[in-house]
Amino acid sequence: MFVLTINQRDSREAGDRVEDLIRALDPVPALVPFQRSFGDEAIGVVADPSNALDAALIALRQHRWHVGIGVGPVQLPFPASISDAEGFGLVYARRAVNRAQKTGERIPLAIDGPDADVAAEAEAIARLVGQIVTTRTEAEWSVLDLMIPGVRGQQKAIAAELGITTQAVSKAVVRSNWNEEWACRPAVARLLALVAGPAELPAAAYPYDPGR
């Protein structure tokens, strides 16, 4: 399991934005839906490493959150309130978000779990992807929010919807490193899965039939 503990960086200046974050994270499939834990913090539990990365990047895009990803179990049955949950995944997520708070101006994302070395590798690449996401302009996002990864021939339709040229769409995609982001995402997800150790690797970590 992957536990995300996300707390706000700028609540004094911007006010409490936890409910806004929870709404933004609602499309992410979750074992325990994201909910306020206490104060200006939200916690959720997901089963898939790709979904963990999705949630982390949604939060980082908003430029106001510290993100900790903990790789480890949460005790069953899941409680109605995340505040009543227990398990090593929550402990690792807490350690991770505490470390994310100390990153200063760098990407405020940290990952922790049983295999500390692999967690550090996953964190390094995830921060690079986070850097790509957080440096995009609103104009670039207006294009990228209409893009569907892996689908060809979208740019003409997006240009028509936005009332801009296909060339402008193409330039936005290139400038924003959209293709590079999506090329890196599987590597982050694979490393996140490996943080749990061999005994807990989910099936999603094996893209090929190991019997071949």
N, C-alpha and C. Protein backbone atom coordinates (compact mmCIF):
# COMPACT_ATOMS: atom_id res chain seq x y z
N MET A 1 0.84 -1.19 0.00
CA MET A 1 0.00 0.00 0.00
C MET A 1 0.87 1.25 0.00
N PHE A 2 0.28 2.35 -0.43
CA PHE A 2 0.99 3.61 -0.51
C PHE A 2 0.16 4.67 0.21
N VAL A 3 0.73 5.20 1.27
CA VAL A 3 0.05 6.21 2.08
C VAL A 3 0.62 7.57 1.73
N LEU A 4 -0.24 8.52 1.43
CA LEU A 4 0.21 9.89 1.17
C LEU A 4 -0.26 10.79 2.29
N THR A 5 0.68 11.43 2.94
CA THR A 5 0.38 12.44 3.94
C THR A 5 0.80 13.79 3.34
N ILE A 6 -0.15 14.69 3.23
CA ILE A 6 0.06 15.95 2.51
C ILE A 6 -0.37 17.10 3.42
N ASN A 7 0.56 17.99 3.76
CA ASN A 7 0.16 19.13 4.57
C ASN A 7 0.54 20.44 3.91
N GLN A 8 -0.18 21.48 4.31
CA GLN A 8 -0.11 22.76 3.61
C GLN A 8 1.11 23.58 4.03
N ARG A 9 1.71 24.24 3.04
CA ARG A 9 2.90 25.06 3.28
C ARG A 9 2.56 26.50 3.61
N ASP A 10 1.43 26.99 3.13
CA ASP A 10 1.16 28.43 3.17
C ASP A 10 -0.19 28.76 3.78
N SER A 11 -0.64 28.00 4.78
CA SER A 11 -1.98 28.21 5.33
C SER A 11 -2.14 29.58 5.97
N ARG A 12 -1.06 30.14 6.51
CA ARG A 12 -1.18 31.47 7.13
C ARG A 12 -1.47 32.54 6.09
N GLU A 13 -0.87 32.42 4.91
CA GLU A 13 -1.06 33.41 3.86
C GLU A 13 -2.31 33.14 3.03
N ALA A 14 -2.55 31.88 2.70
CA ALA A 14 -3.61 31.53 1.75
C ALA A 14 -4.87 31.00 2.42
N GLY A 15 -4.81 30.72 3.73
CA GLY A 15 -5.96 30.11 4.38
C GLY A 15 -5.97 28.61 4.18
N ASP A 16 -6.86 27.95 4.84
CA ASP A 16 -6.95 26.49 4.79
C ASP A 16 -7.48 26.06 3.42
N ARG A 17 -6.68 25.29 2.69
CA ARG A 17 -7.07 24.82 1.35
C ARG A 17 -7.22 23.30 1.28
N VAL A 18 -7.37 22.65 2.42
CA VAL A 18 -7.42 21.19 2.44
C VAL A 18 -8.60 20.66 1.64
N GLU A 19 -9.77 21.27 1.79
CA GLU A 19 -10.95 20.77 1.07
C GLU A 19 -10.75 20.91 -0.44
N ASP A 20 -10.08 21.97 -0.88
CA ASP A 20 -9.76 22.13 -2.30
C ASP A 20 -8.87 21.00 -2.78
N LEU A 21 -7.87 20.66 -1.96
CA LEU A 21 -6.96 19.56 -2.32
C LEU A 21 -7.71 18.24 -2.41
N ILE A 22 -8.57 17.99 -1.45
CA ILE A 22 -9.33 16.72 -1.44
C ILE A 22 -10.18 16.61 -2.70
N ARG A 23 -10.81 17.71 -3.10
CA ARG A 23 -11.60 17.68 -4.35
C ARG A 23 -10.72 17.40 -5.55
N ALA A 24 -9.52 17.98 -5.58
CA ALA A 24 -8.61 17.75 -6.70
C ALA A 24 -8.15 16.30 -6.75
N LEU A 25 -8.04 15.67 -5.58
CA LEU A 25 -7.56 14.29 -5.50
C LEU A 25 -8.68 13.26 -5.66
N ASP A 26 -9.91 13.70 -5.69
CA ASP A 26 -11.04 12.77 -5.74
C ASP A 26 -10.99 11.79 -6.91
N PRO A 27 -10.50 12.19 -8.12
CA PRO A 27 -10.45 11.23 -9.23
C PRO A 27 -9.43 10.11 -9.04
N VAL A 28 -8.49 10.24 -8.10
CA VAL A 28 -7.45 9.23 -7.91
C VAL A 28 -8.05 8.03 -7.18
N PRO A 29 -8.01 6.82 -7.78
CA PRO A 29 -8.55 5.64 -7.11
C PRO A 29 -7.84 5.40 -5.77
N ALA A 30 -8.62 5.20 -4.71
CA ALA A 30 -8.02 5.10 -3.38
C ALA A 30 -8.68 3.98 -2.57
N LEU A 31 -7.87 3.29 -1.78
CA LEU A 31 -8.39 2.32 -0.83
C LEU A 31 -9.06 3.04 0.34
N VAL A 32 -8.41 4.09 0.80
CA VAL A 32 -9.00 5.00 1.79
C VAL A 32 -8.99 6.38 1.15
N PRO A 33 -10.15 6.93 0.82
CA PRO A 33 -10.20 8.23 0.14
C PRO A 33 -9.47 9.31 0.93
N PHE A 34 -8.90 10.26 0.20
CA PHE A 34 -8.20 11.36 0.86
C PHE A 34 -9.18 12.14 1.73
N GLN A 35 -8.75 12.42 2.94
CA GLN A 35 -9.59 13.13 3.90
C GLN A 35 -8.70 13.89 4.87
N ARG A 36 -9.29 14.89 5.49
CA ARG A 36 -8.54 15.67 6.47
C ARG A 36 -8.20 14.77 7.66
N SER A 37 -6.95 14.83 8.07
CA SER A 37 -6.55 14.09 9.27
C SER A 37 -6.65 15.01 10.48
N PHE A 38 -5.95 16.12 10.44
CA PHE A 38 -6.09 17.17 11.44
C PHE A 38 -5.45 18.43 10.89
N GLY A 39 -5.92 19.58 11.36
CA GLY A 39 -5.34 20.84 10.91
C GLY A 39 -5.39 20.98 9.40
N ASP A 40 -4.27 21.41 8.83
CA ASP A 40 -4.20 21.64 7.38
C ASP A 40 -3.51 20.47 6.68
N GLU A 41 -3.97 19.26 6.99
CA GLU A 41 -3.34 18.05 6.46
C GLU A 41 -4.38 17.07 5.96
N ALA A 42 -4.04 16.36 4.86
CA ALA A 42 -4.89 15.31 4.33
C ALA A 42 -4.07 14.03 4.17
N ILE A 43 -4.74 12.90 4.34
CA ILE A 43 -4.09 11.59 4.18
C ILE A 43 -5.00 10.71 3.35
N GLY A 44 -4.40 9.91 2.46
CA GLY A 44 -5.14 8.91 1.70
C GLY A 44 -4.27 7.69 1.49
N VAL A 45 -4.91 6.58 1.17
CA VAL A 45 -4.20 5.31 0.94
C VAL A 45 -4.58 4.79 -0.43
N VAL A 46 -3.59 4.47 -1.27
CA VAL A 46 -3.84 3.93 -2.60
C VAL A 46 -3.12 2.60 -2.74
N ALA A 47 -3.60 1.79 -3.68
CA ALA A 47 -3.03 0.46 -3.87
C ALA A 47 -1.98 0.42 -4.97
N ASP A 48 -2.03 1.35 -5.89
CA ASP A 48 -1.18 1.30 -7.08
C ASP A 48 -0.13 2.40 -7.03
N PRO A 49 1.14 2.08 -7.32
CA PRO A 49 2.17 3.11 -7.27
C PRO A 49 1.95 4.24 -8.27
N SER A 50 1.36 3.94 -9.40
CA SER A 50 1.06 5.00 -10.38
C SER A 50 0.06 6.00 -9.82
N ASN A 51 -0.92 5.48 -9.07
CA ASN A 51 -1.89 6.37 -8.45
C ASN A 51 -1.25 7.21 -7.35
N ALA A 52 -0.28 6.64 -6.65
CA ALA A 52 0.44 7.41 -5.63
C ALA A 52 1.17 8.59 -6.28
N LEU A 53 1.80 8.33 -7.42
CA LEU A 53 2.50 9.41 -8.13
C LEU A 53 1.51 10.43 -8.66
N ASP A 54 0.38 9.96 -9.20
CA ASP A 54 -0.65 10.89 -9.68
C ASP A 54 -1.04 11.87 -8.58
N ALA A 55 -1.32 11.33 -7.39
CA ALA A 55 -1.76 12.18 -6.28
C ALA A 55 -0.67 13.16 -5.87
N ALA A 56 0.55 12.67 -5.82
CA ALA A 56 1.66 13.54 -5.43
C ALA A 56 1.82 14.71 -6.40
N LEU A 57 1.72 14.43 -7.70
CA LEU A 57 1.90 15.48 -8.70
C LEU A 57 0.74 16.46 -8.71
N ILE A 58 -0.47 15.99 -8.43
CA ILE A 58 -1.61 16.90 -8.32
C ILE A 58 -1.35 17.90 -7.20
N ALA A 59 -0.84 17.41 -6.08
CA ALA A 59 -0.55 18.30 -4.96
C ALA A 59 0.61 19.24 -5.28
N LEU A 60 1.67 18.73 -5.87
CA LEU A 60 2.83 19.57 -6.17
C LEU A 60 2.48 20.67 -7.16
N ARG A 61 1.60 20.37 -8.08
CA ARG A 61 1.21 21.37 -9.09
C ARG A 61 0.64 22.62 -8.43
N GLN A 62 0.03 22.47 -7.27
CA GLN A 62 -0.62 23.61 -6.62
C GLN A 62 0.36 24.49 -5.85
N HIS A 63 1.60 24.07 -5.71
CA HIS A 63 2.66 24.89 -5.10
C HIS A 63 2.39 25.26 -3.64
N ARG A 64 1.62 24.46 -2.94
CA ARG A 64 1.35 24.84 -1.55
C ARG A 64 1.35 23.65 -0.58
N TRP A 65 1.92 22.51 -1.03
CA TRP A 65 1.83 21.31 -0.20
C TRP A 65 3.18 20.63 -0.03
N HIS A 66 3.40 20.09 1.18
CA HIS A 66 4.46 19.13 1.43
C HIS A 66 3.86 17.74 1.22
N VAL A 67 4.57 16.87 0.50
CA VAL A 67 4.03 15.56 0.17
C VAL A 67 4.95 14.47 0.69
N GLY A 68 4.39 13.57 1.49
CA GLY A 68 5.13 12.41 1.95
C GLY A 68 4.45 11.14 1.47
N ILE A 69 5.21 10.25 0.85
CA ILE A 69 4.69 8.96 0.40
C ILE A 69 5.33 7.87 1.27
N GLY A 70 4.50 7.13 1.97
CA GLY A 70 4.97 6.01 2.77
C GLY A 70 4.56 4.70 2.13
N VAL A 71 5.50 3.79 1.97
CA VAL A 71 5.23 2.49 1.35
C VAL A 71 5.18 1.44 2.45
N GLY A 72 4.00 0.89 2.69
CA GLY A 72 3.84 -0.10 3.75
C GLY A 72 2.38 -0.35 4.03
N PRO A 73 2.09 -1.33 4.85
CA PRO A 73 0.70 -1.73 5.08
C PRO A 73 -0.06 -0.79 6.01
N VAL A 74 -1.38 -0.82 5.84
CA VAL A 74 -2.32 -0.20 6.76
C VAL A 74 -3.23 -1.32 7.25
N GLN A 75 -3.44 -1.37 8.54
CA GLN A 75 -4.18 -2.49 9.12
C GLN A 75 -5.63 -2.53 8.63
N LEU A 76 -6.09 -3.75 8.38
CA LEU A 76 -7.47 -3.98 7.97
C LEU A 76 -8.31 -4.34 9.19
N PRO A 77 -9.61 -4.08 9.17
CA PRO A 77 -10.34 -3.34 8.12
C PRO A 77 -10.02 -1.85 8.18
N PHE A 78 -10.13 -1.20 7.03
CA PHE A 78 -9.88 0.23 6.99
C PHE A 78 -10.94 0.96 7.82
N PRO A 79 -10.53 1.90 8.65
CA PRO A 79 -11.50 2.66 9.44
C PRO A 79 -12.21 3.71 8.60
N ALA A 80 -13.36 4.17 9.11
CA ALA A 80 -14.08 5.23 8.41
C ALA A 80 -13.28 6.53 8.43
N SER A 81 -12.56 6.78 9.51
CA SER A 81 -11.75 7.99 9.64
C SER A 81 -10.28 7.62 9.55
N ILE A 82 -9.54 8.34 8.74
CA ILE A 82 -8.11 8.07 8.58
C ILE A 82 -7.37 8.29 9.90
N SER A 83 -7.91 9.09 10.77
CA SER A 83 -7.27 9.35 12.05
C SER A 83 -7.23 8.10 12.93
N ASP A 84 -8.10 7.12 12.64
CA ASP A 84 -8.13 5.89 13.42
C ASP A 84 -7.32 4.77 12.78
N ALA A 85 -6.70 5.05 11.63
CA ALA A 85 -5.94 4.02 10.93
C ALA A 85 -4.60 3.77 11.62
N GLU A 86 -4.09 2.55 11.46
CA GLU A 86 -2.80 2.17 12.02
C GLU A 86 -2.04 1.35 10.99
N GLY A 87 -0.72 1.35 11.11
CA GLY A 87 0.10 0.54 10.21
C GLY A 87 1.40 1.24 9.86
N PHE A 88 2.37 0.44 9.41
CA PHE A 88 3.69 0.99 9.10
C PHE A 88 3.64 1.97 7.93
N GLY A 89 2.69 1.81 7.02
CA GLY A 89 2.58 2.74 5.91
C GLY A 89 2.37 4.17 6.39
N LEU A 90 1.57 4.32 7.43
CA LEU A 90 1.32 5.64 8.00
C LEU A 90 2.57 6.20 8.68
N VAL A 91 3.32 5.32 9.33
CA VAL A 91 4.56 5.74 10.00
C VAL A 91 5.56 6.24 8.96
N TYR A 92 5.72 5.47 7.89
CA TYR A 92 6.65 5.89 6.84
C TYR A 92 6.19 7.19 6.18
N ALA A 93 4.89 7.35 5.96
CA ALA A 93 4.38 8.57 5.34
C ALA A 93 4.63 9.78 6.24
N ARG A 94 4.47 9.58 7.55
CA ARG A 94 4.74 10.68 8.48
C ARG A 94 6.21 11.07 8.45
N ARG A 95 7.08 10.09 8.46
CA ARG A 95 8.51 10.38 8.38
C ARG A 95 8.84 11.11 7.09
N ALA A 96 8.20 10.68 5.99
CA ALA A 96 8.48 11.29 4.69
C ALA A 96 8.02 12.74 4.65
N VAL A 97 6.80 13.02 5.11
CA VAL A 97 6.31 14.40 5.02
C VAL A 97 7.09 15.32 5.95
N ASN A 98 7.55 14.79 7.09
CA ASN A 98 8.38 15.61 7.98
C ASN A 98 9.68 16.00 7.27
N ARG A 99 10.21 15.08 6.50
CA ARG A 99 11.45 15.38 5.76
C ARG A 99 11.16 16.32 4.59
N ALA A 100 10.00 16.16 3.96
CA ALA A 100 9.63 17.05 2.85
C ALA A 100 9.53 18.50 3.32
N GLN A 101 9.14 18.69 4.57
CA GLN A 101 9.01 20.04 5.11
C GLN A 101 10.36 20.74 5.24
N LYS A 102 11.43 19.98 5.17
CA LYS A 102 12.77 20.55 5.36
C LYS A 102 13.51 20.77 4.04
N THR A 103 12.80 20.63 2.91
CA THR A 103 13.47 20.75 1.62
C THR A 103 13.69 22.19 1.19
N GLY A 104 13.11 23.15 1.91
CA GLY A 104 13.28 24.55 1.54
C GLY A 104 12.60 24.86 0.22
N GLU A 105 13.36 25.44 -0.71
CA GLU A 105 12.80 25.82 -2.01
C GLU A 105 12.79 24.68 -3.01
N ARG A 106 13.36 23.54 -2.62
CA ARG A 106 13.35 22.40 -3.54
C ARG A 106 11.98 21.75 -3.56
N ILE A 107 11.81 20.77 -4.45
CA ILE A 107 10.53 20.09 -4.57
C ILE A 107 10.19 19.41 -3.24
N PRO A 108 9.07 19.80 -2.58
CA PRO A 108 8.77 19.29 -1.24
C PRO A 108 8.09 17.92 -1.26
N LEU A 109 8.84 16.94 -1.73
CA LEU A 109 8.35 15.57 -1.84
C LEU A 109 9.38 14.63 -1.25
N ALA A 110 8.92 13.68 -0.43
CA ALA A 110 9.83 12.67 0.13
C ALA A 110 9.13 11.33 0.14
N ILE A 111 9.92 10.27 0.07
CA ILE A 111 9.42 8.89 0.02
C ILE A 111 10.16 8.08 1.06
N ASP A 112 9.43 7.23 1.79
CA ASP A 112 10.06 6.39 2.80
C ASP A 112 9.40 5.02 2.80
N GLY A 113 10.14 4.02 3.21
CA GLY A 113 9.62 2.66 3.26
C GLY A 113 10.68 1.68 3.71
N PRO A 114 10.37 0.39 3.68
CA PRO A 114 11.29 -0.63 4.19
C PRO A 114 12.66 -0.62 3.53
N ASP A 115 12.73 -0.46 2.23
CA ASP A 115 14.02 -0.42 1.53
C ASP A 115 14.42 1.04 1.33
N ALA A 116 15.24 1.55 2.25
CA ALA A 116 15.60 2.98 2.23
C ALA A 116 16.37 3.36 0.99
N ASP A 117 17.22 2.47 0.48
CA ASP A 117 18.01 2.79 -0.71
C ASP A 117 17.11 2.98 -1.93
N VAL A 118 16.17 2.05 -2.12
CA VAL A 118 15.26 2.17 -3.27
C VAL A 118 14.34 3.37 -3.08
N ALA A 119 13.93 3.64 -1.84
CA ALA A 119 13.10 4.82 -1.58
C ALA A 119 13.82 6.09 -2.00
N ALA A 120 15.12 6.16 -1.72
CA ALA A 120 15.90 7.34 -2.11
C ALA A 120 15.97 7.47 -3.63
N GLU A 121 16.09 6.34 -4.34
CA GLU A 121 16.12 6.38 -5.80
C GLU A 121 14.77 6.83 -6.36
N ALA A 122 13.69 6.27 -5.80
CA ALA A 122 12.35 6.67 -6.24
C ALA A 122 12.12 8.15 -5.99
N GLU A 123 12.56 8.61 -4.83
CA GLU A 123 12.40 10.02 -4.48
C GLU A 123 13.14 10.94 -5.44
N ALA A 124 14.36 10.56 -5.79
CA ALA A 124 15.17 11.41 -6.68
C ALA A 124 14.49 11.60 -8.03
N ILE A 125 13.98 10.51 -8.61
CA ILE A 125 13.34 10.63 -9.91
C ILE A 125 11.98 11.32 -9.78
N ALA A 126 11.25 11.02 -8.71
CA ALA A 126 9.95 11.66 -8.51
C ALA A 126 10.12 13.17 -8.37
N ARG A 127 11.19 13.61 -7.72
CA ARG A 127 11.42 15.05 -7.59
C ARG A 127 11.74 15.68 -8.95
N LEU A 128 12.46 14.96 -9.80
CA LEU A 128 12.72 15.49 -11.13
C LEU A 128 11.42 15.66 -11.92
N VAL A 129 10.54 14.66 -11.82
CA VAL A 129 9.24 14.78 -12.47
C VAL A 129 8.45 15.93 -11.85
N GLY A 130 8.54 16.05 -10.52
CA GLY A 130 7.87 17.16 -9.85
C GLY A 130 8.39 18.51 -10.30
N GLN A 131 9.69 18.58 -10.56
CA GLN A 131 10.27 19.83 -11.07
C GLN A 131 9.67 20.20 -12.42
N ILE A 132 9.49 19.21 -13.27
CA ILE A 132 8.86 19.44 -14.57
C ILE A 132 7.45 20.00 -14.38
N VAL A 133 6.69 19.38 -13.51
CA VAL A 133 5.29 19.75 -13.31
C VAL A 133 5.15 21.14 -12.70
N THR A 134 5.99 21.46 -11.72
CA THR A 134 5.82 22.71 -10.98
C THR A 134 6.32 23.94 -11.73
N THR A 135 7.08 23.75 -12.79
CA THR A 135 7.61 24.91 -13.51
C THR A 135 6.80 25.26 -14.76
N ARG A 136 5.68 24.59 -14.97
CA ARG A 136 4.86 24.89 -16.13
C ARG A 136 4.04 26.15 -15.92
N THR A 137 3.77 26.83 -17.05
CA THR A 137 2.95 28.04 -17.01
C THR A 137 1.47 27.67 -17.13
N GLU A 138 0.61 28.63 -16.80
CA GLU A 138 -0.83 28.41 -16.93
C GLU A 138 -1.20 28.18 -18.40
N ALA A 139 -0.52 28.87 -19.30
CA ALA A 139 -0.79 28.68 -20.73
C ALA A 139 -0.47 27.25 -21.15
N GLU A 140 0.63 26.71 -20.64
CA GLU A 140 0.98 25.33 -20.96
C GLU A 140 -0.04 24.36 -20.36
N TRP A 141 -0.48 24.62 -19.14
CA TRP A 141 -1.47 23.74 -18.52
C TRP A 141 -2.80 23.78 -19.28
N SER A 142 -3.13 24.91 -19.86
CA SER A 142 -4.39 24.97 -20.60
C SER A 142 -4.39 23.98 -21.76
N VAL A 143 -3.20 23.72 -22.30
CA VAL A 143 -3.06 22.71 -23.36
C VAL A 143 -2.98 21.31 -22.76
N LEU A 144 -2.12 21.14 -21.77
CA LEU A 144 -1.85 19.81 -21.23
C LEU A 144 -3.06 19.19 -20.54
N ASP A 145 -3.91 20.01 -19.95
CA ASP A 145 -5.10 19.48 -19.29
C ASP A 145 -6.06 18.82 -20.28
N LEU A 146 -5.87 19.11 -21.56
CA LEU A 146 -6.71 18.49 -22.59
C LEU A 146 -6.04 17.29 -23.24
N MET A 147 -4.78 17.06 -22.92
CA MET A 147 -4.03 15.96 -23.52
C MET A 147 -4.36 14.64 -22.82
N ILE A 148 -4.38 13.57 -23.60
CA ILE A 148 -4.54 12.22 -23.05
C ILE A 148 -3.27 11.45 -23.39
N PRO A 149 -2.53 10.97 -22.39
CA PRO A 149 -1.27 10.27 -22.67
C PRO A 149 -1.46 9.08 -23.59
N GLY A 150 -0.57 8.95 -24.56
CA GLY A 150 -0.56 7.79 -25.44
C GLY A 150 -1.51 7.87 -26.62
N VAL A 151 -2.28 8.95 -26.73
CA VAL A 151 -3.23 9.09 -27.84
C VAL A 151 -2.62 10.00 -28.90
N ARG A 152 -2.61 9.52 -30.11
CA ARG A 152 -2.04 10.31 -31.21
C ARG A 152 -3.11 11.19 -31.87
N GLY A 153 -2.64 12.25 -32.53
CA GLY A 153 -3.53 13.09 -33.31
C GLY A 153 -4.43 14.00 -32.51
N GLN A 154 -4.02 14.35 -31.27
CA GLN A 154 -4.87 15.19 -30.43
C GLN A 154 -4.69 16.68 -30.69
N GLN A 155 -3.53 17.05 -31.17
CA GLN A 155 -3.16 18.46 -31.14
C GLN A 155 -4.08 19.34 -31.99
N LYS A 156 -4.54 18.84 -33.10
CA LYS A 156 -5.43 19.64 -33.96
C LYS A 156 -6.74 19.92 -33.24
N ALA A 157 -7.30 18.91 -32.58
CA ALA A 157 -8.57 19.09 -31.87
C ALA A 157 -8.40 20.05 -30.69
N ILE A 158 -7.28 19.94 -29.99
CA ILE A 158 -7.02 20.82 -28.85
C ILE A 158 -6.86 22.26 -29.33
N ALA A 159 -6.16 22.43 -30.44
CA ALA A 159 -5.98 23.77 -31.00
C ALA A 159 -7.33 24.40 -31.33
N ALA A 160 -8.21 23.60 -31.94
CA ALA A 160 -9.53 24.11 -32.31
C ALA A 160 -10.33 24.49 -31.07
N GLU A 161 -10.24 23.68 -30.02
CA GLU A 161 -11.00 23.95 -28.79
C GLU A 161 -10.51 25.22 -28.10
N LEU A 162 -9.20 25.45 -28.14
CA LEU A 162 -8.62 26.61 -27.46
C LEU A 162 -8.56 27.85 -28.34
N GLY A 163 -8.82 27.66 -29.64
CA GLY A 163 -8.76 28.80 -30.55
C GLY A 163 -7.34 29.27 -30.83
N ILE A 164 -6.40 28.32 -30.86
CA ILE A 164 -5.01 28.64 -31.15
C ILE A 164 -4.55 27.74 -32.29
N THR A 165 -3.33 27.95 -32.75
CA THR A 165 -2.82 27.15 -33.86
C THR A 165 -2.30 25.81 -33.36
N THR A 166 -2.27 24.84 -34.28
CA THR A 166 -1.69 23.54 -33.95
C THR A 166 -0.22 23.69 -33.59
N GLN A 167 0.46 24.62 -34.23
CA GLN A 167 1.87 24.87 -33.93
C GLN A 167 2.03 25.35 -32.49
N ALA A 168 1.12 26.20 -32.02
CA ALA A 168 1.18 26.69 -30.65
C ALA A 168 0.99 25.55 -29.65
N VAL A 169 0.09 24.63 -29.97
CA VAL A 169 -0.11 23.46 -29.12
C VAL A 169 1.16 22.62 -29.08
N SER A 170 1.75 22.39 -30.25
CA SER A 170 2.97 21.59 -30.33
C SER A 170 4.10 22.22 -29.52
N LYS A 171 4.24 23.54 -29.61
CA LYS A 171 5.29 24.23 -28.87
C LYS A 171 5.07 24.11 -27.37
N ALA A 172 3.80 24.20 -26.94
CA ALA A 172 3.49 24.09 -25.51
C ALA A 172 3.85 22.69 -25.00
N VAL A 173 3.56 21.68 -25.80
CA VAL A 173 3.89 20.31 -25.41
C VAL A 173 5.40 20.14 -25.26
N VAL A 174 6.14 20.69 -26.21
CA VAL A 174 7.60 20.56 -26.17
C VAL A 174 8.18 21.33 -24.99
N ARG A 175 7.77 22.59 -24.83
CA ARG A 175 8.30 23.43 -23.74
C ARG A 175 8.01 22.84 -22.37
N SER A 176 6.88 22.22 -22.23
CA SER A 176 6.45 21.71 -20.93
C SER A 176 7.04 20.36 -20.58
N ASN A 177 7.80 19.76 -21.51
CA ASN A 177 8.38 18.43 -21.29
C ASN A 177 7.31 17.38 -20.95
N TRP A 178 6.18 17.50 -21.62
CA TRP A 178 5.07 16.56 -21.42
C TRP A 178 5.50 15.12 -21.72
N ASN A 179 6.13 14.92 -22.86
CA ASN A 179 6.53 13.56 -23.24
C ASN A 179 7.58 13.01 -22.29
N GLU A 180 8.49 13.86 -21.82
CA GLU A 180 9.52 13.41 -20.89
C GLU A 180 8.90 13.01 -19.54
N GLU A 181 7.92 13.79 -19.10
CA GLU A 181 7.23 13.44 -17.85
C GLU A 181 6.63 12.05 -17.93
N TRP A 182 5.88 11.80 -19.00
CA TRP A 182 5.18 10.52 -19.11
C TRP A 182 6.12 9.37 -19.41
N ALA A 183 7.29 9.67 -19.95
CA ALA A 183 8.30 8.62 -20.13
C ALA A 183 8.92 8.22 -18.79
N CYS A 184 8.99 9.18 -17.85
CA CYS A 184 9.59 8.91 -16.53
C CYS A 184 8.62 8.29 -15.53
N ARG A 185 7.35 8.53 -15.71
CA ARG A 185 6.38 8.06 -14.73
C ARG A 185 6.46 6.55 -14.45
N PRO A 186 6.57 5.68 -15.47
CA PRO A 186 6.66 4.25 -15.17
C PRO A 186 7.88 3.88 -14.33
N ALA A 187 8.98 4.58 -14.52
CA ALA A 187 10.18 4.32 -13.72
C ALA A 187 9.93 4.65 -12.25
N VAL A 188 9.26 5.77 -12.00
CA VAL A 188 8.95 6.14 -10.62
C VAL A 188 8.01 5.10 -10.01
N ALA A 189 6.99 4.69 -10.74
CA ALA A 189 6.04 3.72 -10.23
C ALA A 189 6.72 2.38 -9.93
N ARG A 190 7.61 1.97 -10.81
CA ARG A 190 8.31 0.70 -10.60
C ARG A 190 9.18 0.76 -9.34
N LEU A 191 9.89 1.86 -9.17
CA LEU A 191 10.73 2.01 -7.98
C LEU A 191 9.88 2.10 -6.71
N LEU A 192 8.75 2.80 -6.78
CA LEU A 192 7.86 2.87 -5.62
C LEU A 192 7.41 1.47 -5.20
N ALA A 193 7.09 0.63 -6.18
CA ALA A 193 6.68 -0.73 -5.87
C ALA A 193 7.80 -1.51 -5.20
N LEU A 194 9.03 -1.27 -5.64
CA LEU A 194 10.18 -1.99 -5.09
C LEU A 194 10.54 -1.54 -3.68
N VAL A 195 10.09 -0.37 -3.26
CA VAL A 195 10.42 0.12 -1.92
C VAL A 195 9.88 -0.83 -0.85
N ALA A 196 8.77 -1.51 -1.15
CA ALA A 196 8.16 -2.42 -0.18
C ALA A 196 9.00 -3.65 0.07
N GLY A 197 9.91 -3.98 -0.84
CA GLY A 197 10.68 -5.22 -0.71
C GLY A 197 10.05 -6.31 -1.54
N PRO A 198 10.80 -7.36 -1.91
CA PRO A 198 10.32 -8.41 -2.83
C PRO A 198 9.04 -9.09 -2.39
N ALA A 199 8.84 -9.27 -1.07
CA ALA A 199 7.69 -10.04 -0.61
C ALA A 199 6.38 -9.30 -0.83
N GLU A 200 6.44 -7.97 -1.00
CA GLU A 200 5.21 -7.20 -1.10
C GLU A 200 5.02 -6.55 -2.47
N LEU A 201 5.79 -6.99 -3.45
CA LEU A 201 5.65 -6.40 -4.78
C LEU A 201 4.27 -6.67 -5.36
N PRO A 202 3.53 -5.64 -5.76
CA PRO A 202 2.23 -5.87 -6.39
C PRO A 202 2.40 -6.38 -7.81
N ALA A 203 1.33 -6.98 -8.34
CA ALA A 203 1.39 -7.50 -9.71
C ALA A 203 1.70 -6.41 -10.71
N ALA A 204 1.28 -5.17 -10.41
CA ALA A 204 1.51 -4.07 -11.34
C ALA A 204 2.99 -3.78 -11.55
N ALA A 205 3.84 -4.31 -10.66
CA ALA A 205 5.27 -4.05 -10.80
C ALA A 205 5.89 -4.91 -11.89
N TYR A 206 5.15 -5.90 -12.40
CA TYR A 206 5.68 -6.81 -13.41
C TYR A 206 5.00 -6.58 -14.74
N PRO A 207 5.57 -5.74 -15.61
CA PRO A 207 4.91 -5.46 -16.88
C PRO A 207 5.03 -6.60 -17.88
N TYR A 208 5.96 -7.53 -17.65
CA TYR A 208 6.14 -8.65 -18.56
C TYR A 208 5.92 -9.96 -17.83
N ASP A 209 5.56 -10.97 -18.55
CA ASP A 209 5.35 -12.31 -17.99
C ASP A 209 6.69 -12.85 -17.51
N PRO A 210 6.90 -13.08 -16.20
CA PRO A 210 8.19 -13.54 -15.71
C PRO A 210 8.54 -14.95 -16.18
N GLY A 211 7.55 -15.66 -16.74
CA GLY A 211 7.83 -17.01 -17.22
C GLY A 211 8.45 -17.05 -18.60
N ARG A 212 8.54 -15.90 -19.25
CA ARG A 212 9.10 -15.88 -20.61
C ARG A 212 10.61 -15.99 -20.57
